[in-house]
Protein backbone atom coordinates (compact mmCIF):
# COMPACT_ATOMS: atom_id res chain seq x y z
CA UNK A 1 5.26 27.38 66.62
CA UNK A 2 2.43 28.55 64.38
CA UNK A 3 4.95 30.10 62.04
CA UNK A 4 6.90 26.83 61.83
CA UNK A 5 3.71 24.87 61.21
CA UNK A 6 2.72 27.36 58.52
CA UNK A 7 6.08 27.01 56.80
CA UNK A 8 5.87 23.22 56.97
CA UNK A 9 2.36 23.33 55.51
CA UNK A 10 3.49 25.58 52.67
CA UNK A 11 6.47 23.31 51.96
CA UNK A 12 4.20 20.28 51.96
CA UNK A 13 1.74 21.92 49.56
CA UNK A 14 4.60 22.85 47.23
CA UNK A 15 5.98 19.31 47.38
CA UNK A 16 2.49 17.86 46.74
CA UNK A 17 1.94 20.13 43.73
CA UNK A 18 5.27 19.15 42.17
CA UNK A 19 4.63 15.48 42.87
CA UNK A 20 1.14 15.67 41.33
CA UNK A 21 2.63 17.33 38.26
CA UNK A 22 5.23 14.60 37.90
CA UNK A 23 2.58 11.91 38.43
CA UNK A 24 0.30 13.41 35.78
CA UNK A 25 3.22 13.60 33.34
CA UNK A 26 4.10 9.97 33.97
CA UNK A 27 0.47 8.94 33.55
CA UNK A 28 0.29 10.70 30.19
CA UNK A 29 3.51 8.98 29.09
CA UNK A 30 2.15 5.58 30.12
CA UNK A 31 -1.03 6.22 28.10
CA UNK A 32 1.07 7.30 25.12
CA UNK A 33 3.19 4.15 25.29
CA UNK A 34 0.10 1.97 25.60
CA UNK A 35 -1.33 3.63 22.49
CA UNK A 36 1.87 2.94 20.56
CA UNK A 37 1.96 -0.64 21.82
CA UNK A 38 -1.63 -1.23 20.71
CA UNK A 39 -0.96 0.28 17.28
CA UNK A 40 0.60 -1.30 14.23
CA UNK A 41 4.15 -0.88 15.54
CA UNK A 42 3.50 -2.77 18.75
CA UNK A 43 4.03 -6.50 19.23
CA UNK A 44 0.55 -6.96 20.70
CA UNK A 45 -1.44 -5.24 18.01
CA UNK A 46 -4.61 -6.88 16.75
CA UNK A 47 -4.39 -8.27 13.24
CA UNK A 48 -7.36 -7.29 11.10
CA UNK A 49 -9.87 -10.06 10.66
CA UNK A 50 -9.71 -9.40 6.91
CA UNK A 51 -5.92 -9.81 6.75
CA UNK A 52 -5.30 -12.84 4.48
CA UNK A 53 -2.09 -13.80 6.25
CA UNK A 54 0.75 -12.32 8.30
CA UNK A 55 4.52 -12.24 8.03
CA UNK A 56 7.11 -12.10 10.79
CA UNK A 57 9.46 -9.13 10.53
CA UNK A 58 12.08 -9.29 13.28
CA UNK A 59 10.19 -10.00 16.49
CA UNK A 60 6.87 -8.62 15.24
CA UNK A 61 3.98 -10.25 13.43
CA UNK A 62 2.96 -7.89 10.61
CA UNK A 63 -0.45 -8.34 8.99
CA UNK A 64 -0.57 -8.28 5.21
CA UNK A 65 -3.51 -5.98 4.64
CA UNK A 66 -6.07 -6.93 1.99
CA UNK A 67 -7.41 -4.24 -0.32
CA UNK A 68 -10.52 -3.83 1.84
CA UNK A 69 -8.43 -3.20 4.98
CA UNK A 70 -7.34 0.27 6.00
CA UNK A 71 -3.86 1.17 7.23
CA UNK A 72 -5.38 4.18 9.02
CA UNK A 73 -7.31 1.78 11.28
CA UNK A 74 -3.96 0.98 12.94
CA UNK A 75 -3.12 4.70 13.35
CA UNK A 76 -6.30 6.24 14.77
CA UNK A 77 -6.60 9.95 15.42
CA UNK A 78 -6.03 10.96 19.04
CA UNK A 79 -9.24 11.19 21.02
CA UNK A 80 -10.97 14.47 20.30
CA UNK A 81 -9.11 15.09 17.02
CA UNK A 82 -11.25 12.92 14.75
CA UNK A 83 -12.24 14.98 11.72
CA UNK A 84 -10.65 18.11 13.16
CA UNK A 85 -7.63 18.21 10.87
CA UNK A 86 -7.41 18.65 7.10
CA UNK A 87 -4.64 18.98 4.56
CA UNK A 88 -6.16 22.18 3.22
CA UNK A 89 -6.18 23.79 6.67
CA UNK A 90 -2.59 22.71 7.18
CA UNK A 91 -1.53 24.32 3.88
CA UNK A 92 -3.30 27.59 4.73
CA UNK A 93 -1.70 27.72 8.19
CA UNK A 94 1.76 26.80 6.88
CA UNK A 95 1.53 29.58 4.29
CA UNK A 96 0.37 32.13 6.84
CA UNK A 97 -3.03 32.60 5.22
CA UNK A 98 -4.90 31.50 8.33
CA UNK A 99 -3.86 30.67 11.85
CA UNK A 100 -0.29 30.79 13.10
CA UNK A 101 2.56 30.67 10.61
CA UNK A 102 4.60 27.47 10.76
CA UNK A 103 8.08 28.76 11.59
CA UNK A 104 9.89 25.53 10.72
CA UNK A 105 9.24 22.49 8.49
CA UNK A 106 6.26 20.74 10.04
CA UNK A 107 4.84 17.36 9.10
CA UNK A 108 1.19 16.44 8.94
CA UNK A 109 0.04 14.19 11.79
CA UNK A 110 0.82 10.51 11.31
CA UNK A 111 -2.82 9.48 11.18
CA UNK A 112 -3.48 11.93 8.32
CA UNK A 113 -0.56 10.43 6.39
CA UNK A 114 -2.02 6.93 6.73
CA UNK A 115 -5.41 8.17 5.54
CA UNK A 116 -3.78 9.50 2.37
CA UNK A 117 -1.86 6.23 1.96
CA UNK A 118 -5.25 4.50 2.00
CA UNK A 119 -6.40 6.87 -0.77
CA UNK A 120 -3.27 5.87 -2.73
CA UNK A 121 -4.09 2.19 -2.21
CA UNK A 122 -7.69 2.75 -3.31
CA UNK A 123 -6.48 4.42 -6.53
CA UNK A 124 -3.87 1.74 -7.31
CA UNK A 125 -4.72 -0.82 -9.99
CA UNK A 126 -2.33 -3.38 -8.46
CA UNK A 127 -3.98 -3.07 -5.04
CA UNK A 128 -7.43 -3.27 -6.66
CA UNK A 129 -6.26 -6.52 -8.26
CA UNK A 130 -5.73 -7.87 -4.74
CA UNK A 131 -2.11 -7.13 -3.82
CA UNK A 132 -1.64 -6.94 -0.06
CA UNK A 133 0.14 -4.19 1.87
CA UNK A 134 3.01 -4.87 4.30
CA UNK A 135 3.97 -2.09 6.70
CA UNK A 136 7.61 -2.32 7.86
CA UNK A 137 9.86 -0.22 10.10
CA UNK A 138 13.19 -0.75 8.33
CA UNK A 139 15.06 -2.86 5.77
CA UNK A 140 14.24 -6.55 5.98
CA UNK A 141 13.95 -9.67 3.83
CA UNK A 142 11.14 -12.08 3.07
CA UNK A 143 11.44 -15.37 1.23
CA UNK A 144 9.71 -16.36 -1.99
CA UNK A 145 9.32 -19.88 -3.33
CA UNK A 146 10.59 -20.24 -6.88
CA UNK A 147 10.30 -24.06 -7.04
CA UNK A 148 8.31 -26.55 -4.96
CA UNK A 149 9.76 -29.74 -3.42
CA UNK A 150 9.04 -33.08 -5.12
CA UNK A 151 6.82 -35.57 -3.29
CA UNK A 152 7.30 -39.33 -3.92
CA UNK A 153 5.06 -42.27 -3.18
CA UNK A 154 7.06 -44.77 -1.18
CA UNK A 155 6.90 -48.55 -1.46
CA UNK A 156 8.11 -50.42 1.60
CA UNK A 157 11.73 -51.64 1.46
CA UNK A 158 12.25 -49.86 -1.85
CA UNK A 159 14.86 -47.19 -2.49
CA UNK A 160 12.46 -44.82 -4.24
CA UNK A 161 12.71 -41.49 -2.38
CA UNK A 162 15.00 -38.73 -3.58
CA UNK A 163 16.03 -35.61 -1.79
CA UNK A 164 14.39 -32.42 -2.91
CA UNK A 165 14.08 -29.03 -1.30
CA UNK A 166 12.03 -26.01 -2.26
CA UNK A 167 14.00 -23.31 -4.00
CA UNK A 168 13.86 -20.14 -1.95
CA UNK A 169 15.03 -16.67 -2.89
CA UNK A 170 15.36 -13.58 -0.74
CA UNK A 171 12.98 -10.68 -1.34
CA UNK A 172 14.50 -7.45 0.00
CA UNK A 173 12.00 -5.02 1.48
CA UNK A 174 13.59 -1.58 1.45
CA UNK A 175 11.53 0.58 -0.90
CA UNK A 176 12.90 3.81 -2.33
CA UNK A 177 11.18 7.14 -1.79
CA UNK A 178 8.35 8.38 -4.00
CA UNK A 179 8.39 12.18 -3.99
CA UNK A 180 5.95 14.76 -5.38
CA UNK A 181 6.51 18.53 -5.42
CA UNK A 182 3.30 20.57 -5.66
CA UNK A 183 3.46 24.37 -6.22
CA UNK A 184 0.82 26.26 -4.24
CA UNK A 185 -0.06 29.84 -5.12
CA UNK A 186 -1.34 32.07 -2.34
CA UNK A 187 -4.45 33.00 -4.32
CA UNK A 188 -5.57 29.43 -5.04
CA UNK A 189 -5.00 28.29 -1.47
CA UNK A 190 -6.78 31.29 0.02
CA UNK A 191 -9.80 31.24 -2.32
CA UNK A 192 -10.52 27.51 -2.77
CA UNK A 193 -13.01 26.04 -0.28
CA UNK A 194 -12.47 22.56 -1.76
CA UNK A 195 -8.69 22.72 -1.33
CA UNK A 196 -8.52 19.76 1.05
CA UNK A 197 -10.37 17.39 -1.32
CA UNK A 198 -8.33 18.56 -4.31
CA UNK A 199 -5.01 18.03 -2.52
CA UNK A 200 -6.07 14.59 -1.27
CA UNK A 201 -7.09 13.45 -4.75
CA UNK A 202 -4.09 14.98 -6.52
CA UNK A 203 -1.52 13.47 -4.15
CA UNK A 204 -3.20 10.06 -4.02
CA UNK A 205 -3.69 9.87 -7.79
CA UNK A 206 -0.12 10.89 -8.63
CA UNK A 207 1.51 8.50 -6.15
CA UNK A 208 -0.82 5.64 -7.16
CA UNK A 209 0.06 6.07 -10.85
CA UNK A 210 3.79 5.95 -10.09
CA UNK A 211 3.37 3.02 -7.72
CA UNK A 212 1.43 1.05 -10.35
CA UNK A 213 4.08 1.73 -12.99
CA UNK A 214 6.83 0.48 -10.67
CA UNK A 215 4.85 -2.60 -9.57
CA UNK A 216 3.96 -3.65 -13.11
CA UNK A 217 7.58 -3.18 -14.22
CA UNK A 218 8.67 -5.42 -11.32
CA UNK A 219 6.19 -8.14 -12.30
CA UNK A 220 7.11 -8.08 -15.98
CA UNK A 221 10.85 -8.20 -15.17
CA UNK A 222 10.52 -11.21 -12.84
CA UNK A 223 11.75 -14.24 -14.78
CA UNK A 224 10.33 -16.65 -12.19
CA UNK A 225 6.76 -15.72 -13.19
CA UNK A 226 5.64 -18.10 -15.97
CA UNK A 227 4.53 -16.62 -19.29
CA UNK A 228 3.02 -17.62 -22.63
CA UNK A 229 4.93 -20.26 -24.56
CA UNK A 230 2.99 -19.37 -27.70
CA UNK A 231 1.12 -16.23 -28.72
CA UNK A 232 -2.07 -15.69 -26.69
CA UNK A 233 -3.87 -12.56 -27.85
CA UNK A 234 -4.72 -10.13 -25.07
CA UNK A 235 -7.35 -8.52 -27.34
CA UNK A 236 -9.61 -11.58 -27.60
CA UNK A 237 -11.40 -13.82 -25.15
CA UNK A 238 -10.06 -16.86 -26.99
CA UNK A 239 -6.50 -15.69 -26.36
CA UNK A 240 -7.27 -14.92 -22.72
CA UNK A 241 -8.84 -18.35 -22.23
CA UNK A 242 -5.70 -19.89 -23.76
CA UNK A 243 -3.60 -18.00 -21.19
CA UNK A 244 -5.86 -19.16 -18.36
CA UNK A 245 -5.54 -22.73 -19.63
CA UNK A 246 -1.74 -22.42 -19.64
CA UNK A 247 -1.81 -21.14 -16.05
CA UNK A 248 -4.10 -23.98 -14.96
CA UNK A 249 -1.71 -26.45 -16.58
CA UNK A 250 0.95 -25.10 -14.18
CA UNK A 251 -1.31 -25.96 -11.21
CA UNK A 252 -2.47 -22.38 -10.74
CA UNK A 253 -6.07 -21.64 -9.81
CA UNK A 254 -8.54 -19.63 -11.84
CA UNK A 255 -7.33 -16.02 -11.83
CA UNK A 256 -9.02 -13.54 -9.53
CA UNK A 257 -7.82 -10.52 -11.52
CA UNK A 258 -6.34 -9.51 -14.85
CA UNK A 259 -4.39 -6.30 -15.45
CA UNK A 260 -4.03 -5.34 -19.10
CA UNK A 261 -3.77 -2.43 -21.49
CA UNK A 262 -6.79 -0.21 -22.11
CA UNK A 263 -6.81 -0.96 -25.87
CA UNK A 264 -6.85 -4.72 -25.26
CA UNK A 265 -9.65 -4.34 -22.72
CA UNK A 266 -11.80 -2.37 -25.18
CA UNK A 267 -11.06 -4.85 -27.97
CA UNK A 268 -12.24 -7.77 -25.83
CA UNK A 269 -15.30 -5.87 -24.68
CA UNK A 270 -16.19 -4.99 -28.30
CA UNK A 271 -16.16 -8.59 -29.51
CA UNK A 272 -19.47 -9.65 -31.07
CA UNK A 273 -20.98 -13.10 -31.26
CA UNK A 274 -20.76 -14.53 -34.79
CA UNK A 275 -24.51 -15.04 -35.16
CA UNK A 276 -26.88 -12.33 -33.92
CA UNK A 277 -24.35 -9.55 -33.50
CA UNK A 278 -24.79 -9.49 -29.71
CA UNK A 279 -21.91 -8.75 -27.39
CA UNK A 280 -19.77 -11.81 -26.74
CA UNK A 281 -18.89 -10.93 -23.15
CA UNK A 282 -16.70 -12.56 -20.54
CA UNK A 283 -16.75 -16.40 -20.47
CA UNK A 284 -18.85 -17.64 -17.52
CA UNK A 285 -15.89 -19.59 -16.11
CA UNK A 286 -14.10 -16.26 -15.55
CA UNK A 287 -17.05 -14.56 -13.84
CA UNK A 288 -14.99 -14.24 -10.65
CA UNK A 289 -12.11 -12.46 -12.41
CA UNK A 290 -12.03 -8.66 -12.36
CA UNK A 291 -10.57 -6.85 -15.37
CA UNK A 292 -8.44 -3.80 -14.65
CA UNK A 293 -7.44 -1.71 -17.69
CA UNK A 294 -4.47 0.62 -17.33
CA UNK A 295 -2.09 2.65 -19.47
CA UNK A 296 0.75 1.43 -17.24
CA UNK A 297 1.21 -1.74 -19.29
CA UNK A 298 1.80 -2.04 -23.04
CA UNK A 299 -0.80 -3.43 -25.44
CA UNK A 300 -0.24 -7.12 -26.11
CA UNK A 301 0.77 -7.88 -22.51
CA UNK A 302 -1.38 -8.75 -19.50
CA UNK A 303 -0.82 -10.15 -16.01
CA UNK A 304 -3.35 -12.46 -14.40
CA UNK A 305 -3.55 -14.67 -11.35
CA UNK A 306 -3.85 -14.48 -7.56
CA UNK A 307 -2.39 -11.07 -6.69
CA UNK A 308 -3.33 -11.40 -3.03
CA UNK A 309 -0.71 -14.08 -2.42
CA UNK A 310 1.53 -13.47 -5.37
CA UNK A 311 2.33 -9.79 -4.88
CA UNK A 312 2.51 -7.19 -2.12
CA UNK A 313 3.12 -3.48 -1.59
CA UNK A 314 5.82 -2.72 0.98
CA UNK A 315 5.34 0.54 2.89
CA UNK A 316 8.37 1.44 4.97
CA UNK A 317 7.50 5.02 5.84
CA UNK A 318 4.15 6.73 6.21
CA UNK A 319 3.41 9.66 3.94
CA UNK A 320 5.22 12.82 4.98
CA UNK A 321 3.98 16.22 3.87
CA UNK A 322 5.45 19.64 4.56
CA UNK A 323 5.26 23.11 3.07
CA UNK A 324 8.32 25.14 2.08
CA UNK A 325 7.25 28.77 2.36
CA UNK A 326 8.00 31.00 -0.62
CA UNK A 327 10.02 28.33 -2.41
CA UNK A 328 9.44 30.47 -5.52
CA UNK A 329 9.44 34.01 -4.10
CA UNK A 330 9.23 35.85 -7.43
CA UNK A 331 5.98 34.01 -8.18
CA UNK A 332 4.63 34.39 -4.66
CA UNK A 333 4.38 30.60 -4.62
CA UNK A 334 4.96 28.03 -1.91
CA UNK A 335 5.87 24.36 -2.38
CA UNK A 336 4.22 21.31 -0.83
CA UNK A 337 6.58 18.31 -0.57
CA UNK A 338 5.04 14.83 -0.30
CA UNK A 339 7.17 11.73 0.13
CA UNK A 340 6.71 8.11 1.15
CA UNK A 341 8.74 4.93 0.77
CA UNK A 342 6.65 2.39 -1.13
CA UNK A 343 7.28 -0.30 -3.73
CA UNK A 344 5.98 -3.67 -4.89
CA UNK A 345 7.54 -7.12 -4.39
CA UNK A 346 6.78 -10.53 -5.90
CA UNK A 347 6.13 -13.02 -3.08
CA UNK A 348 4.99 -16.15 -4.93
CA UNK A 349 5.82 -16.12 -8.66
CA UNK A 350 3.82 -19.30 -9.30
CA UNK A 351 0.61 -17.46 -8.36
CA UNK A 352 0.89 -15.12 -11.37
CA UNK A 353 1.01 -15.53 -15.15
CA UNK A 354 2.17 -13.19 -17.91
CA UNK A 355 -0.02 -13.33 -21.02
CA UNK A 356 1.87 -12.38 -24.20
CA UNK A 357 0.25 -11.70 -27.56
CA UNK A 358 3.65 -12.03 -29.23
CA UNK A 359 6.31 -14.28 -27.70
CA UNK A 360 9.81 -12.90 -28.20
């Protein structure tokens, strides 16, 4: 009898151990799913209090992040991993210089990718101007208003109301990939204590420059955005005030930002008052407008207006980074591959204005 009881006890203990293991695994999975649900991809996520507005993509409400918001806030590091991971350490491990060698293509953790995306956004002139950021999971469409409906004052018993509908156009959100290939020599990676900061800045700066170029090209090519009817010099404050006046005449508000060429910015800043030779300076009425010089737009052209509501950056895929070991074996060099799907879209053309020194 004792032997039977002993066998039953052993069987019970074995069953209990397996059951506890399964329970712990299920508990971990539930916690993981709750974390996903509470993140940006979940339907119940909290919209940032700074988000200017939200858009509905499928069955989810997606916040349009303002420039002061952080995408990484929606993808926090797992508990205990905050500050424990760096791009430099990843590169050294992937190249076999320290730690275990990565035997297959490995991606940086998602939360690190969003942190670098935030560095890209911080370095982007268009985002600095106020453009929001929309994070999407797949191809989708938003609508933009290209013409407002007409409102009539009605007199009783008078046939004085005409039909009018706003003109809407589809805005496809399916950005192409932005890709950067960065050669990494073994010596530089092994001997550079500031490798992480250098990689962060290099990747963010390069992607931001490309993103700005694409966004500005999109704005300038959009024929629904109003532009100068007559020449309005981008190199003088008088010309800029004329452009602001033309925008106000189209029922726009005072611009919150102006993006223009570096040469035009310097020319405006160098203007002297006609009397004492003092600097002329920005007109007081435009004190709330930030000026953002860039080489990504040609001299003689500027874009001004409300970028927060007029333009947005669509991010379909978080930044992916991996290291291809000995991509250039004869040079003893590895290759870091960085790619993300990002692009800009015009949401409300009537919120922006294109200032042209010479009207073609």
